Protein backbone atom coordinates (compact mmCIF):
# COMPACT_ATOMS: atom_id res chain seq x y z
CA MET A 1 29.71 117.58 -103.37
CA PRO A 2 31.28 115.00 -105.71
CA PRO A 3 29.56 114.68 -109.11
CA ASP A 4 29.39 110.88 -108.78
CA PHE A 5 28.60 108.55 -105.91
CA ILE A 6 31.77 107.53 -104.08
CA GLY A 7 30.50 104.98 -101.58
CA HIS A 8 28.06 102.12 -101.66
CA LEU A 9 24.46 103.17 -102.15
CA THR A 10 21.61 102.15 -99.92
CA PRO A 11 18.36 103.03 -101.71
CA ASN A 12 14.86 103.11 -100.30
CA VAL A 13 11.50 104.10 -101.80
CA SER A 14 9.37 106.16 -99.44
CA ARG A 15 5.61 106.56 -99.08
CA ASP A 16 5.81 109.69 -101.24
CA ARG A 17 7.22 107.41 -103.98
CA LEU A 18 10.58 109.16 -104.10
CA VAL A 19 13.83 107.18 -104.13
CA TYR A 20 16.24 108.16 -101.38
CA ALA A 21 19.78 106.84 -101.91
CA ALA A 22 22.32 107.12 -99.11
CA ASP A 23 25.86 107.62 -100.47
CA SER A 24 27.81 106.41 -97.45
CA VAL A 25 31.28 107.84 -98.11
CA GLY A 26 29.88 110.87 -99.94
CA ASP A 27 28.02 111.85 -96.74
CA ARG A 28 24.87 112.66 -98.67
CA ILE A 29 21.34 111.63 -99.53
CA HIS A 30 20.38 111.77 -103.21
CA VAL A 31 16.66 112.02 -104.03
CA THR A 32 15.03 111.10 -107.36
CA THR A 33 11.66 110.01 -108.65
CA LYS A 34 11.20 106.33 -109.51
CA GLN A 35 11.77 107.34 -113.15
CA GLY A 36 15.20 108.81 -112.27
CA GLU A 37 14.30 112.51 -112.31
CA PHE A 38 16.58 114.42 -109.91
CA ARG A 39 14.81 116.08 -106.99
CA ASP A 40 17.39 116.92 -104.30
CA ASP A 41 20.83 116.22 -102.89
CA PHE A 42 21.79 117.07 -99.33
CA VAL A 43 24.83 116.56 -97.12
CA LEU A 44 24.43 115.08 -93.65
CA VAL A 45 27.81 115.55 -91.96
CA PRO A 46 30.44 116.86 -94.41
CA VAL A 47 33.62 115.72 -92.63
CA THR A 48 33.56 112.24 -91.13
CA GLY A 49 37.15 111.15 -91.62
CA GLY A 50 36.31 108.58 -94.30
CA GLY A 51 33.71 106.60 -92.37
CA GLY A 52 30.73 108.27 -93.96
CA SER A 53 27.61 109.72 -92.36
CA ALA A 54 24.92 108.30 -94.66
CA GLY A 55 24.74 104.63 -93.76
CA GLY A 56 21.18 104.08 -94.84
CA VAL A 57 17.71 105.47 -95.29
CA ALA A 58 14.63 104.21 -93.46
């Protein structure tokens, strides 16, 4: 996984008050608290040919 975000980010705050940020080209979802504390990072589809698999979070 790249150390920095490589696509545009689409953030969303959920009911559990965590911030889920979709890194479109990085094919991942990055999860933090509202204060910026890292919680999790997970890959959706690792090889998409450049289109990205994380278009948004709802």
